[in-house]
Amino acid sequence: MNYDLEDRCAKFGEDMILFCKSIKPNEITRPLINQLVRSGTSIGANYMEANQASSKKDFANKIRISQKESNESKHWLRMIAMAIEEEKEVCRKFWQEAHELTLIFAAISKSCKDGNGKENSKGV
């Protein structure tokens, strides 16, 4: 199933909310759940902000934040997979989607820079 990137990010955030609601909270899982909900839902919020950016620099910054948040989501999914053995396969599926989002945002971020690693002033 193909989604545009905004929908794909929103779907990932929704999936993180539903997944985290299904986890029984305890002293170990509670902080992991909180972190995953924050990072997983922040991806789409920052991407939406990027699409309304006031400058190319602002756009590039929001894209980098989306990339960081998707990468962070991979970490929290790994921690949940370790903490709750029976959720390992579900976490693996979500980890793959977070990884793909990270790669997409990395590619967009790279296209915002010129060959010297500086912001591309000629356009995104």
PDB file of N, CA and C in Angstrom:
ATOM      1  N   MET A   1       0.839  -1.177   0.000  1.00  0.00           N
ATOM      2  CA  MET A   1       0.000   0.000   0.000  1.00  0.00           C
ATOM      3  C   MET A   1       0.887   1.245   0.000  1.00  0.00           C
ATOM      4  N   ASN A   2       0.663   2.149  -0.924  1.00  0.00           N
ATOM      5  CA  ASN A   2       1.447   3.372  -1.010  1.00  0.00           C
ATOM      6  C   ASN A   2       0.728   4.533  -0.338  1.00  0.00           C
ATOM      7  N   TYR A   3       1.489   5.329   0.371  1.00  0.00           N
ATOM      8  CA  TYR A   3       0.977   6.520   1.026  1.00  0.00           C
ATOM      9  C   TYR A   3       1.845   7.693   0.599  1.00  0.00           C
ATOM     10  N   ASP A   4       1.280   8.898   0.613  1.00  0.00           N
ATOM     11  CA  ASP A   4       2.203  10.012   0.477  1.00  0.00           C
ATOM     12  C   ASP A   4       2.917  10.125   1.828  1.00  0.00           C
ATOM     13  N   LEU A   5       4.010  10.843   1.871  1.00  0.00           N
ATOM     14  CA  LEU A   5       4.863  10.827   3.064  1.00  0.00           C
ATOM     15  C   LEU A   5       4.143  11.382   4.288  1.00  0.00           C
ATOM     16  N   GLU A   6       3.321  12.403   4.102  1.00  0.00           N
ATOM     17  CA  GLU A   6       2.583  12.953   5.242  1.00  0.00           C
ATOM     18  C   GLU A   6       1.646  11.894   5.831  1.00  0.00           C
ATOM     19  N   ASP A   7       0.914  11.194   4.971  1.00  0.00           N
ATOM     20  CA  ASP A   7       0.023  10.123   5.436  1.00  0.00           C
ATOM     21  C   ASP A   7       0.814   8.984   6.060  1.00  0.00           C
ATOM     22  N   ARG A   8       1.939   8.659   5.476  1.00  0.00           N
ATOM     23  CA  ARG A   8       2.761   7.563   5.991  1.00  0.00           C
ATOM     24  C   ARG A   8       3.266   7.886   7.404  1.00  0.00           C
ATOM     25  N   CYS A   9       3.684   9.131   7.607  1.00  0.00           N
ATOM     26  CA  CYS A   9       4.146   9.544   8.940  1.00  0.00           C
ATOM     27  C   CYS A   9       2.993   9.539   9.940  1.00  0.00           C
ATOM     28  N   ALA A  10       1.821  10.026   9.511  1.00  0.00           N
ATOM     29  CA  ALA A  10       0.655  10.029  10.394  1.00  0.00           C
ATOM     30  C   ALA A  10       0.258   8.597  10.756  1.00  0.00           C
ATOM     31  N   LYS A  11       0.278   7.714   9.787  1.00  0.00           N
ATOM     32  CA  LYS A  11      -0.064   6.304  10.029  1.00  0.00           C
ATOM     33  C   LYS A  11       0.915   5.683  11.026  1.00  0.00           C
ATOM     34  N   PHE A  12       2.201   5.999  10.879  1.00  0.00           N
ATOM     35  CA  PHE A  12       3.192   5.475  11.815  1.00  0.00           C
ATOM     36  C   PHE A  12       2.889   5.972  13.229  1.00  0.00           C
ATOM     37  N   GLY A  13       2.603   7.255  13.375  1.00  0.00           N
ATOM     38  CA  GLY A  13       2.267   7.803  14.684  1.00  0.00           C
ATOM     39  C   GLY A  13       1.033   7.139  15.273  1.00  0.00           C
ATOM     40  N   GLU A  14       0.002   6.951  14.444  1.00  0.00           N
ATOM     41  CA  GLU A  14      -1.216   6.272  14.899  1.00  0.00           C
ATOM     42  C   GLU A  14      -0.911   4.842  15.335  1.00  0.00           C
ATOM     43  N   ASP A  15      -0.093   4.160  14.542  1.00  0.00           N
ATOM     44  CA  ASP A  15       0.292   2.785  14.890  1.00  0.00           C
ATOM     45  C   ASP A  15       1.039   2.744  16.226  1.00  0.00           C
ATOM     46  N   MET A  16       1.900   3.749  16.482  1.00  0.00           N
ATOM     47  CA  MET A  16       2.638   3.785  17.741  1.00  0.00           C
ATOM     48  C   MET A  16       1.687   3.985  18.914  1.00  0.00           C
ATOM     49  N   ILE A  17       0.686   4.857  18.734  1.00  0.00           N
ATOM     50  CA  ILE A  17      -0.299   5.077  19.795  1.00  0.00           C
ATOM     51  C   ILE A  17      -1.061   3.787  20.088  1.00  0.00           C
ATOM     52  N   LEU A  18      -1.568   3.144  19.053  1.00  0.00           N
ATOM     53  CA  LEU A  18      -2.332   1.901  19.248  1.00  0.00           C
ATOM     54  C   LEU A  18      -1.472   0.801  19.858  1.00  0.00           C
ATOM     55  N   PHE A  19      -0.242   0.675  19.360  1.00  0.00           N
ATOM     56  CA  PHE A  19       0.670  -0.339  19.891  1.00  0.00           C
ATOM     57  C   PHE A  19       0.954  -0.079  21.368  1.00  0.00           C
ATOM     58  N   CYS A  20       1.258   1.160  21.704  1.00  0.00           N
ATOM     59  CA  CYS A  20       1.592   1.481  23.092  1.00  0.00           C
ATOM     60  C   CYS A  20       0.387   1.321  24.016  1.00  0.00           C
ATOM     61  N   LYS A  21      -0.805   1.573  23.513  1.00  0.00           N
ATOM     62  CA  LYS A  21      -2.016   1.355  24.315  1.00  0.00           C
ATOM     63  C   LYS A  21      -2.204  -0.120  24.629  1.00  0.00           C
ATOM     64  N   SER A  22      -1.669  -1.000  23.783  1.00  0.00           N
ATOM     65  CA  SER A  22      -1.835  -2.448  23.986  1.00  0.00           C
ATOM     66  C   SER A  22      -0.830  -3.027  24.981  1.00  0.00           C
ATOM     67  N   ILE A  23       0.175  -2.244  25.350  1.00  0.00           N
ATOM     68  CA  ILE A  23       1.220  -2.729  26.267  1.00  0.00           C
ATOM     69  C   ILE A  23       0.792  -2.469  27.710  1.00  0.00           C
ATOM     70  N   LYS A  24       0.933  -3.498  28.531  1.00  0.00           N
ATOM     71  CA  LYS A  24       0.601  -3.354  29.947  1.00  0.00           C
ATOM     72  C   LYS A  24       1.673  -2.484  30.619  1.00  0.00           C
ATOM     73  N   PRO A  25       1.252  -1.351  31.182  1.00  0.00           N
ATOM     74  CA  PRO A  25       2.258  -0.486  31.813  1.00  0.00           C
ATOM     75  C   PRO A  25       2.757  -1.055  33.145  1.00  0.00           C
ATOM     76  N   ASN A  26       4.062  -0.981  33.324  1.00  0.00           N
ATOM     77  CA  ASN A  26       4.680  -1.324  34.605  1.00  0.00           C
ATOM     78  C   ASN A  26       5.911  -0.433  34.753  1.00  0.00           C
ATOM     79  N   GLU A  27       6.711  -0.663  35.774  1.00  0.00           N
ATOM     80  CA  GLU A  27       7.858   0.228  36.015  1.00  0.00           C
ATOM     81  C   GLU A  27       8.880   0.204  34.873  1.00  0.00           C
ATOM     82  N   ILE A  28       8.937  -0.869  34.120  1.00  0.00           N
ATOM     83  CA  ILE A  28       9.866  -0.961  32.985  1.00  0.00           C
ATOM     84  C   ILE A  28       9.239  -0.376  31.717  1.00  0.00           C
ATOM     85  N   THR A  29       8.028  -0.770  31.421  1.00  0.00           N
ATOM     86  CA  THR A  29       7.416  -0.377  30.142  1.00  0.00           C
ATOM     87  C   THR A  29       6.921   1.064  30.107  1.00  0.00           C
ATOM     88  N   ARG A  30       6.514   1.607  31.248  1.00  0.00           N
ATOM     89  CA  ARG A  30       5.936   2.964  31.265  1.00  0.00           C
ATOM     90  C   ARG A  30       6.860   4.011  30.615  1.00  0.00           C
ATOM     91  N   PRO A  31       8.132   4.108  31.006  1.00  0.00           N
ATOM     92  CA  PRO A  31       8.990   5.113  30.354  1.00  0.00           C
ATOM     93  C   PRO A  31       9.250   4.801  28.876  1.00  0.00           C
ATOM     94  N   LEU A  32       9.316   3.522  28.527  1.00  0.00           N
ATOM     95  CA  LEU A  32       9.527   3.142  27.130  1.00  0.00           C
ATOM     96  C   LEU A  32       8.328   3.551  26.274  1.00  0.00           C
ATOM     97  N   ILE A  33       7.136   3.311  26.797  1.00  0.00           N
ATOM     98  CA  ILE A  33       5.903   3.689  26.109  1.00  0.00           C
ATOM     99  C   ILE A  33       5.873   5.203  25.893  1.00  0.00           C
ATOM    100  N   ASN A  34       6.153   5.957  26.952  1.00  0.00           N
ATOM    101  CA  ASN A  34       6.127   7.420  26.840  1.00  0.00           C
ATOM    102  C   ASN A  34       7.095   7.918  25.781  1.00  0.00           C
ATOM    103  N   GLN A  35       8.284   7.368  25.775  1.00  0.00           N
ATOM    104  CA  GLN A  35       9.295   7.809  24.813  1.00  0.00           C
ATOM    105  C   GLN A  35       8.894   7.447  23.385  1.00  0.00           C
ATOM    106  N   LEU A  36       8.361   6.245  23.195  1.00  0.00           N
ATOM    107  CA  LEU A  36       7.979   5.821  21.850  1.00  0.00           C
ATOM    108  C   LEU A  36       6.814   6.649  21.326  1.00  0.00           C
ATOM    109  N   VAL A  37       5.838   6.943  22.171  1.00  0.00           N
ATOM    110  CA  VAL A  37       4.721   7.785  21.726  1.00  0.00           C
ATOM    111  C   VAL A  37       5.242   9.168  21.329  1.00  0.00           C
ATOM    112  N   ARG A  38       6.142   9.718  22.114  1.00  0.00           N
ATOM    113  CA  ARG A  38       6.685  11.048  21.802  1.00  0.00           C
ATOM    114  C   ARG A  38       7.448  11.062  20.483  1.00  0.00           C
ATOM    115  N   SER A  39       8.378  10.132  20.334  1.00  0.00           N
ATOM    116  CA  SER A  39       9.193  10.137  19.112  1.00  0.00           C
ATOM    117  C   SER A  39       8.369   9.714  17.896  1.00  0.00           C
ATOM    118  N   GLY A  40       7.527   8.705  18.064  1.00  0.00           N
ATOM    119  CA  GLY A  40       6.747   8.179  16.941  1.00  0.00           C
ATOM    120  C   GLY A  40       5.728   9.151  16.383  1.00  0.00           C
ATOM    121  N   THR A  41       5.149   9.983  17.253  1.00  0.00           N
ATOM    122  CA  THR A  41       4.172  10.967  16.784  1.00  0.00           C
ATOM    123  C   THR A  41       4.831  12.271  16.354  1.00  0.00           C
ATOM    124  N   SER A  42       6.031  12.516  16.812  1.00  0.00           N
ATOM    125  CA  SER A  42       6.749  13.742  16.464  1.00  0.00           C
ATOM    126  C   SER A  42       7.235  13.742  15.012  1.00  0.00           C
ATOM    127  N   ILE A  43       7.442  12.564  14.449  1.00  0.00           N
ATOM    128  CA  ILE A  43       7.924  12.466  13.062  1.00  0.00           C
ATOM    129  C   ILE A  43       6.991  13.228  12.130  1.00  0.00           C
ATOM    130  N   GLY A  44       5.727  12.890  12.172  1.00  0.00           N
ATOM    131  CA  GLY A  44       4.748  13.513  11.290  1.00  0.00           C
ATOM    132  C   GLY A  44       4.516  14.973  11.596  1.00  0.00           C
ATOM    133  N   ALA A  45       4.518  15.337  12.884  1.00  0.00           N
ATOM    134  CA  ALA A  45       4.318  16.738  13.257  1.00  0.00           C
ATOM    135  C   ALA A  45       5.424  17.611  12.675  1.00  0.00           C
ATOM    136  N   ASN A  46       6.657  17.156  12.768  1.00  0.00           N
ATOM    137  CA  ASN A  46       7.773  17.930  12.224  1.00  0.00           C
ATOM    138  C   ASN A  46       7.761  17.942  10.700  1.00  0.00           C
ATOM    139  N   TYR A  47       7.333  16.849  10.086  1.00  0.00           N
ATOM    140  CA  TYR A  47       7.233  16.837   8.627  1.00  0.00           C
ATOM    141  C   TYR A  47       6.169  17.826   8.158  1.00  0.00           C
ATOM    142  N   MET A  48       5.047  17.886   8.856  1.00  0.00           N
ATOM    143  CA  MET A  48       4.010  18.856   8.498  1.00  0.00           C
ATOM    144  C   MET A  48       4.536  20.284   8.663  1.00  0.00           C
ATOM    145  N   GLU A  49       5.308  20.528   9.724  1.00  0.00           N
ATOM    146  CA  GLU A  49       5.919  21.844   9.913  1.00  0.00           C
ATOM    147  C   GLU A  49       6.900  22.149   8.784  1.00  0.00           C
ATOM    148  N   ALA A  50       7.658  21.155   8.356  1.00  0.00           N
ATOM    149  CA  ALA A  50       8.604  21.354   7.255  1.00  0.00           C
ATOM    150  C   ALA A  50       7.868  21.805   5.996  1.00  0.00           C
ATOM    151  N   ASN A  51       6.721  21.204   5.747  1.00  0.00           N
ATOM    152  CA  ASN A  51       5.958  21.551   4.552  1.00  0.00           C
ATOM    153  C   ASN A  51       5.389  22.960   4.603  1.00  0.00           C
ATOM    154  N   GLN A  52       5.350  23.557   5.782  1.00  0.00           N
ATOM    155  CA  GLN A  52       4.883  24.940   5.940  1.00  0.00           C
ATOM    156  C   GLN A  52       6.032  25.870   6.327  1.00  0.00           C
ATOM    157  N   ALA A  53       7.251  25.437   6.095  1.00  0.00           N
ATOM    158  CA  ALA A  53       8.426  26.195   6.524  1.00  0.00           C
ATOM    159  C   ALA A  53       8.474  27.572   5.876  1.00  0.00           C
ATOM    160  N   SER A  54       9.031  28.514   6.623  1.00  0.00           N
ATOM    161  CA  SER A  54       9.133  29.892   6.152  1.00  0.00           C
ATOM    162  C   SER A  54      10.404  30.144   5.336  1.00  0.00           C
ATOM    163  N   SER A  55      11.319  29.183   5.352  1.00  0.00           N
ATOM    164  CA  SER A  55      12.569  29.328   4.592  1.00  0.00           C
ATOM    165  C   SER A  55      13.130  27.940   4.283  1.00  0.00           C
ATOM    166  N   LYS A  56      14.099  27.903   3.390  1.00  0.00           N
ATOM    167  CA  LYS A  56      14.762  26.630   3.076  1.00  0.00           C
ATOM    168  C   LYS A  56      15.515  26.093   4.283  1.00  0.00           C
ATOM    169  N   LYS A  57      16.098  27.001   5.059  1.00  0.00           N
ATOM    170  CA  LYS A  57      16.827  26.591   6.259  1.00  0.00           C
ATOM    171  C   LYS A  57      15.862  25.978   7.275  1.00  0.00           C
ATOM    172  N   ASP A  58      14.692  26.592   7.442  1.00  0.00           N
ATOM    173  CA  ASP A  58      13.672  26.068   8.352  1.00  0.00           C
ATOM    174  C   ASP A  58      13.192  24.698   7.871  1.00  0.00           C
ATOM    175  N   PHE A  59      12.972  24.564   6.562  1.00  0.00           N
ATOM    176  CA  PHE A  59      12.563  23.283   5.985  1.00  0.00           C
ATOM    177  C   PHE A  59      13.585  22.197   6.307  1.00  0.00           C
ATOM    178  N   ALA A  60      14.866  22.497   6.022  1.00  0.00           N
ATOM    179  CA  ALA A  60      15.930  21.514   6.245  1.00  0.00           C
ATOM    180  C   ALA A  60      16.016  21.127   7.718  1.00  0.00           C
ATOM    181  N   ASN A  61      15.848  22.098   8.613  1.00  0.00           N
ATOM    182  CA  ASN A  61      15.903  21.814  10.051  1.00  0.00           C
ATOM    183  C   ASN A  61      14.773  20.887  10.476  1.00  0.00           C
ATOM    184  N   LYS A  62      13.564  21.133  10.018  1.00  0.00           N
ATOM    185  CA  LYS A  62      12.424  20.282  10.396  1.00  0.00           C
ATOM    186  C   LYS A  62      12.566  18.883   9.812  1.00  0.00           C
ATOM    187  N   ILE A  63      13.119  18.785   8.617  1.00  0.00           N
ATOM    188  CA  ILE A  63      13.364  17.468   8.011  1.00  0.00           C
ATOM    189  C   ILE A  63      14.372  16.693   8.855  1.00  0.00           C
ATOM    190  N   ARG A  64      15.426  17.373   9.302  1.00  0.00           N
ATOM    191  CA  ARG A  64      16.427  16.706  10.143  1.00  0.00           C
ATOM    192  C   ARG A  64      15.813  16.254  11.470  1.00  0.00           C
ATOM    193  N   ILE A  65      14.907  17.049  12.017  1.00  0.00           N
ATOM    194  CA  ILE A  65      14.243  16.639  13.254  1.00  0.00           C
ATOM    195  C   ILE A  65      13.385  15.397  13.006  1.00  0.00           C
ATOM    196  N   SER A  66      12.660  15.365  11.889  1.00  0.00           N
ATOM    197  CA  SER A  66      11.877  14.169  11.549  1.00  0.00           C
ATOM    198  C   SER A  66      12.787  12.958  11.432  1.00  0.00           C
ATOM    199  N   GLN A  67      13.936  13.139  10.820  1.00  0.00           N
ATOM    200  CA  GLN A  67      14.898  12.048  10.682  1.00  0.00           C
ATOM    201  C   GLN A  67      15.369  11.565  12.059  1.00  0.00           C
ATOM    202  N   LYS A  68      15.696  12.495  12.932  1.00  0.00           N
ATOM    203  CA  LYS A  68      16.160  12.126  14.271  1.00  0.00           C
ATOM    204  C   LYS A  68      15.072  11.402  15.063  1.00  0.00           C
ATOM    205  N   GLU A  69      13.836  11.882  14.937  1.00  0.00           N
ATOM    206  CA  GLU A  69      12.728  11.269  15.678  1.00  0.00           C
ATOM    207  C   GLU A  69      12.434   9.852  15.167  1.00  0.00           C
ATOM    208  N   SER A  70      12.514   9.648  13.856  1.00  0.00           N
ATOM    209  CA  SER A  70      12.286   8.303  13.329  1.00  0.00           C
ATOM    210  C   SER A  70      13.421   7.374  13.756  1.00  0.00           C
ATOM    211  N   ASN A  71      14.624   7.889  13.787  1.00  0.00           N
ATOM    212  CA  ASN A  71      15.763   7.098  14.246  1.00  0.00           C
ATOM    213  C   ASN A  71      15.621   6.773  15.734  1.00  0.00           C
ATOM    214  N   GLU A  72      15.179   7.746  16.526  1.00  0.00           N
ATOM    215  CA  GLU A  72      14.971   7.512  17.955  1.00  0.00           C
ATOM    216  C   GLU A  72      13.880   6.463  18.175  1.00  0.00           C
ATOM    217  N   SER A  73      12.847   6.490  17.354  1.00  0.00           N
ATOM    218  CA  SER A  73      11.767   5.497  17.478  1.00  0.00           C
ATOM    219  C   SER A  73      12.310   4.086  17.333  1.00  0.00           C
ATOM    220  N   LYS A  74      13.304   3.904  16.457  1.00  0.00           N
ATOM    221  CA  LYS A  74      13.931   2.592  16.300  1.00  0.00           C
ATOM    222  C   LYS A  74      14.542   2.124  17.628  1.00  0.00           C
ATOM    223  N   HIS A  75      15.158   3.046  18.333  1.00  0.00           N
ATOM    224  CA  HIS A  75      15.771   2.697  19.615  1.00  0.00           C
ATOM    225  C   HIS A  75      14.716   2.227  20.613  1.00  0.00           C
ATOM    226  N   TRP A  76      13.631   2.979  20.745  1.00  0.00           N
ATOM    227  CA  TRP A  76      12.604   2.623  21.723  1.00  0.00           C
ATOM    228  C   TRP A  76      11.908   1.323  21.350  1.00  0.00           C
ATOM    229  N   LEU A  77      11.728   1.081  20.064  1.00  0.00           N
ATOM    230  CA  LEU A  77      11.154  -0.197  19.630  1.00  0.00           C
ATOM    231  C   LEU A  77      12.072  -1.354  20.004  1.00  0.00           C
ATOM    232  N   ARG A  78      13.354  -1.148  19.850  1.00  0.00           N
ATOM    233  CA  ARG A  78      14.319  -2.184  20.237  1.00  0.00           C
ATOM    234  C   ARG A  78      14.249  -2.455  21.736  1.00  0.00           C
ATOM    235  N   MET A  79      14.129  -1.395  22.526  1.00  0.00           N
ATOM    236  CA  MET A  79      14.057  -1.566  23.976  1.00  0.00           C
ATOM    237  C   MET A  79      12.764  -2.290  24.383  1.00  0.00           C
ATOM    238  N   ILE A  80      11.658  -1.956  23.730  1.00  0.00           N
ATOM    239  CA  ILE A  80      10.395  -2.637  24.033  1.00  0.00           C
ATOM    240  C   ILE A  80      10.477  -4.108  23.624  1.00  0.00           C
ATOM    241  N   ALA A  81      11.087  -4.383  22.486  1.00  0.00           N
ATOM    242  CA  ALA A  81      11.247  -5.778  22.042  1.00  0.00           C
ATOM    243  C   ALA A  81      12.049  -6.581  23.051  1.00  0.00           C
ATOM    244  N   MET A  82      13.025  -5.940  23.670  1.00  0.00           N
ATOM    245  CA  MET A  82      13.832  -6.626  24.675  1.00  0.00           C
ATOM    246  C   MET A  82      13.049  -6.794  25.979  1.00  0.00           C
ATOM    247  N   ALA A  83      12.267  -5.779  26.342  1.00  0.00           N
ATOM    248  CA  ALA A  83      11.526  -5.804  27.605  1.00  0.00           C
ATOM    249  C   ALA A  83      10.317  -6.742  27.557  1.00  0.00           C
ATOM    250  N   ILE A  84       9.717  -6.880  26.361  1.00  0.00           N
ATOM    251  CA  ILE A  84       8.507  -7.698  26.220  1.00  0.00           C
ATOM    252  C   ILE A  84       8.735  -8.677  25.066  1.00  0.00           C
ATOM    253  N   GLU A  85       9.252  -9.819  25.399  1.00  0.00           N
ATOM    254  CA  GLU A  85       9.645 -10.823  24.403  1.00  0.00           C
ATOM    255  C   GLU A  85       8.536 -11.125  23.393  1.00  0.00           C
ATOM    256  N   GLU A  86       7.287 -11.219  23.842  1.00  0.00           N
ATOM    257  CA  GLU A  86       6.190 -11.588  22.930  1.00  0.00           C
ATOM    258  C   GLU A  86       5.834 -10.482  21.929  1.00  0.00           C
ATOM    259  N   GLU A  87       6.392  -9.298  22.091  1.00  0.00           N
ATOM    260  CA  GLU A  87       6.145  -8.196  21.145  1.00  0.00           C
ATOM    261  C   GLU A  87       7.282  -8.017  20.132  1.00  0.00           C
ATOM    262  N   LYS A  88       8.245  -8.922  20.168  1.00  0.00           N
ATOM    263  CA  LYS A  88       9.442  -8.787  19.340  1.00  0.00           C
ATOM    264  C   LYS A  88       9.128  -8.677  17.850  1.00  0.00           C
ATOM    265  N   GLU A  89       8.245  -9.517  17.337  1.00  0.00           N
ATOM    266  CA  GLU A  89       7.932  -9.493  15.899  1.00  0.00           C
ATOM    267  C   GLU A  89       7.188  -8.223  15.495  1.00  0.00           C
ATOM    268  N   VAL A  90       6.271  -7.785  16.334  1.00  0.00           N
ATOM    269  CA  VAL A  90       5.553  -6.531  16.057  1.00  0.00           C
ATOM    270  C   VAL A  90       6.552  -5.376  16.055  1.00  0.00           C
ATOM    271  N   CYS A  91       7.438  -5.353  17.026  1.00  0.00           N
ATOM    272  CA  CYS A  91       8.467  -4.309  17.094  1.00  0.00           C
ATOM    273  C   CYS A  91       9.365  -4.339  15.868  1.00  0.00           C
ATOM    274  N   ARG A  92       9.695  -5.527  15.400  1.00  0.00           N
ATOM    275  CA  ARG A  92      10.545  -5.658  14.222  1.00  0.00           C
ATOM    276  C   ARG A  92       9.870  -5.032  13.000  1.00  0.00           C
ATOM    277  N   LYS A  93       8.575  -5.261  12.838  1.00  0.00           N
ATOM    278  CA  LYS A  93       7.820  -4.681  11.721  1.00  0.00           C
ATOM    279  C   LYS A  93       7.809  -3.155  11.820  1.00  0.00           C
ATOM    280  N   PHE A  94       7.528  -2.634  13.013  1.00  0.00           N
ATOM    281  CA  PHE A  94       7.514  -1.183  13.197  1.00  0.00           C
ATOM    282  C   PHE A  94       8.914  -0.593  13.060  1.00  0.00           C
ATOM    283  N   TRP A  95       9.930  -1.317  13.540  1.00  0.00           N
ATOM    284  CA  TRP A  95      11.315  -0.860  13.417  1.00  0.00           C
ATOM    285  C   TRP A  95      11.667  -0.677  11.939  1.00  0.00           C
ATOM    286  N   GLN A  96      11.238  -1.614  11.096  1.00  0.00           N
ATOM    287  CA  GLN A  96      11.525  -1.527   9.658  1.00  0.00           C
ATOM    288  C   GLN A  96      10.899  -0.270   9.056  1.00  0.00           C
ATOM    289  N   GLU A  97       9.675   0.031   9.430  1.00  0.00           N
ATOM    290  CA  GLU A  97       9.021   1.239   8.924  1.00  0.00           C
ATOM    291  C   GLU A  97       9.741   2.490   9.421  1.00  0.00           C
ATOM    292  N   ALA A  98      10.142   2.513  10.688  1.00  0.00           N
ATOM    293  CA  ALA A  98      10.897   3.652  11.222  1.00  0.00           C
ATOM    294  C   ALA A  98      12.228   3.798  10.483  1.00  0.00           C
ATOM    295  N   HIS A  99      12.847   2.684  10.162  1.00  0.00           N
ATOM    296  CA  HIS A  99      14.115   2.703   9.422  1.00  0.00           C
ATOM    297  C   HIS A  99      13.920   3.290   8.023  1.00  0.00           C
ATOM    298  N   GLU A 100      12.868   2.863   7.348  1.00  0.00           N
ATOM    299  CA  GLU A 100      12.586   3.400   6.012  1.00  0.00           C
ATOM    300  C   GLU A 100      12.321   4.900   6.078  1.00  0.00           C
ATOM    301  N   LEU A 101      11.574   5.336   7.082  1.00  0.00           N
ATOM    302  CA  LEU A 101      11.326   6.777   7.242  1.00  0.00           C
ATOM    303  C   LEU A 101      12.641   7.522   7.498  1.00  0.00           C
ATOM    304  N   THR A 102      13.506   6.946   8.321  1.00  0.00           N
ATOM    305  CA  THR A 102      14.811   7.559   8.591  1.00  0.00           C
ATOM    306  C   THR A 102      15.593   7.737   7.291  1.00  0.00           C
ATOM    307  N   LEU A 103      15.607   6.709   6.446  1.00  0.00           N
ATOM    308  CA  LEU A 103      16.323   6.787   5.176  1.00  0.00           C
ATOM    309  C   LEU A 103      15.710   7.826   4.239  1.00  0.00           C
ATOM    310  N   ILE A 104      14.401   7.911   4.215  1.00  0.00           N
ATOM    311  CA  ILE A 104      13.722   8.898   3.369  1.00  0.00           C
ATOM    312  C   ILE A 104      14.099  10.311   3.818  1.00  0.00           C
ATOM    313  N   PHE A 105      14.023  10.565   5.127  1.00  0.00           N
ATOM    314  CA  PHE A 105      14.352  11.895   5.619  1.00  0.00           C
ATOM    315  C   PHE A 105      15.835  12.216   5.452  1.00  0.00           C
ATOM    316  N   ALA A 106      16.686  11.212   5.564  1.00  0.00           N
ATOM    317  CA  ALA A 106      18.120  11.422   5.328  1.00  0.00           C
ATOM    318  C   ALA A 106      18.358  11.841   3.880  1.00  0.00           C
ATOM    319  N   ALA A 107      17.659  11.205   2.949  1.00  0.00           N
ATOM    320  CA  ALA A 107      17.809  11.553   1.530  1.00  0.00           C
ATOM    321  C   ALA A 107      17.296  12.967   1.262  1.00  0.00           C
ATOM    322  N   ILE A 108      16.171  13.330   1.858  1.00  0.00           N
ATOM    323  CA  ILE A 108      15.646  14.687   1.682  1.00  0.00           C
ATOM    324  C   ILE A 108      16.627  15.695   2.275  1.00  0.00           C
ATOM    325  N   SER A 109      17.131  15.386   3.454  1.00  0.00           N
ATOM    326  CA  SER A 109      18.086  16.276   4.118  1.00  0.00           C
ATOM    327  C   SER A 109      19.341  16.456   3.269  1.00  0.00           C
ATOM    328  N   LYS A 110      19.824  15.365   2.708  1.00  0.00           N
ATOM    329  CA  LYS A 110      21.019  15.432   1.862  1.00  0.00           C
ATOM    330  C   LYS A 110      20.769  16.299   0.632  1.00  0.00           C
ATOM    331  N   SER A 111      19.566  16.225   0.074  1.00  0.00           N
ATOM    332  CA  SER A 111      19.259  17.025  -1.114  1.00  0.00           C
ATOM    333  C   SER A 111      19.159  18.515  -0.789  1.00  0.00           C
ATOM    334  N   CYS A 112      19.048  18.840   0.506  1.00  0.00           N
ATOM    335  CA  CYS A 112      18.992  20.247   0.926  1.00  0.00           C
ATOM    336  C   CYS A 112      20.390  20.861   1.015  1.00  0.00           C
ATOM    337  N   LYS A 113      21.417  20.058   0.867  1.00  0.00           N
ATOM    338  CA  LYS A 113      22.793  20.536   1.012  1.00  0.00           C
ATOM    339  C   LYS A 113      23.527  20.472  -0.319  1.00  0.00           C
ATOM    340  N   ASP A 114      24.532  21.338  -0.444  1.00  0.00           N
ATOM    341  CA  ASP A 114      25.376  21.250  -1.639  1.00  0.00           C
ATOM    342  C   ASP A 114      26.529  20.289  -1.365  1.00  0.00           C
ATOM    343  N   GLY A 115      27.437  20.159  -2.261  1.00  0.00           N
ATOM    344  CA  GLY A 115      28.550  19.215  -2.132  1.00  0.00           C
ATOM    345  C   GLY A 115      29.468  19.485  -0.961  1.00  0.00           C
ATOM    346  N   ASN A 116      29.443  20.716  -0.413  1.00  0.00           N
ATOM    347  CA  ASN A 116      30.301  21.067   0.713  1.00  0.00           C
ATOM    348  C   ASN A 116      29.618  20.891   2.058  1.00  0.00           C
ATOM    349  N   GLY A 117      28.401  20.326   2.036  1.00  0.00           N
ATOM    350  CA  GLY A 117      27.693  20.109   3.279  1.00  0.00           C
ATOM    351  C   GLY A 117      26.961  21.342   3.771  1.00  0.00           C
ATOM    352  N   LYS A 118      26.919  22.405   2.947  1.00  0.00           N
ATOM    353  CA  LYS A 118      26.239  23.634   3.329  1.00  0.00           C
ATOM    354  C   LYS A 118      24.854  23.651   2.728  1.00  0.00           C
ATOM    355  N   GLU A 119      23.974  24.426   3.346  1.00  0.00           N
ATOM    356  CA  GLU A 119      22.606  24.542   2.832  1.00  0.00           C
ATOM    357  C   GLU A 119      22.641  24.966   1.383  1.00  0.00           C
ATOM    358  N   ASN A 120      21.827  24.354   0.589  1.00  0.00           N
ATOM    359  CA  ASN A 120      21.728  24.647  -0.843  1.00  0.00           C
ATOM    360  C   ASN A 120      20.870  25.878  -1.025  1.00  0.00           C
ATOM    361  N   SER A 121      21.466  26.978  -1.497  1.00  0.00           N
ATOM    362  CA  SER A 121      20.727  28.233  -1.649  1.00  0.00           C
ATOM    363  C   SER A 121      19.957  28.283  -2.967  1.00  0.00           C
ATOM    364  N   LYS A 122      20.160  27.302  -3.824  1.00  0.00           N
ATOM    365  CA  LYS A 122      19.494  27.296  -5.132  1.00  0.00           C
ATOM    366  C   LYS A 122      18.141  26.603  -5.097  1.00  0.00           C
ATOM    367  N   GLY A 123      17.773  26.075  -3.962  1.00  0.00           N
ATOM    368  CA  GLY A 123      16.485  25.392  -3.861  1.00  0.00           C
ATOM    369  C   GLY A 123      16.639  24.047  -3.203  1.00  0.00           C
ATOM    370  N   VAL A 124      15.524  23.501  -2.860  1.00  0.00           N
ATOM    371  CA  VAL A 124      15.530  22.216  -2.161  1.00  0.00           C
ATOM    372  C   VAL A 124      15.367  21.098  -3.146  1.00  0.00           C
TER     373      VAL A 124
END
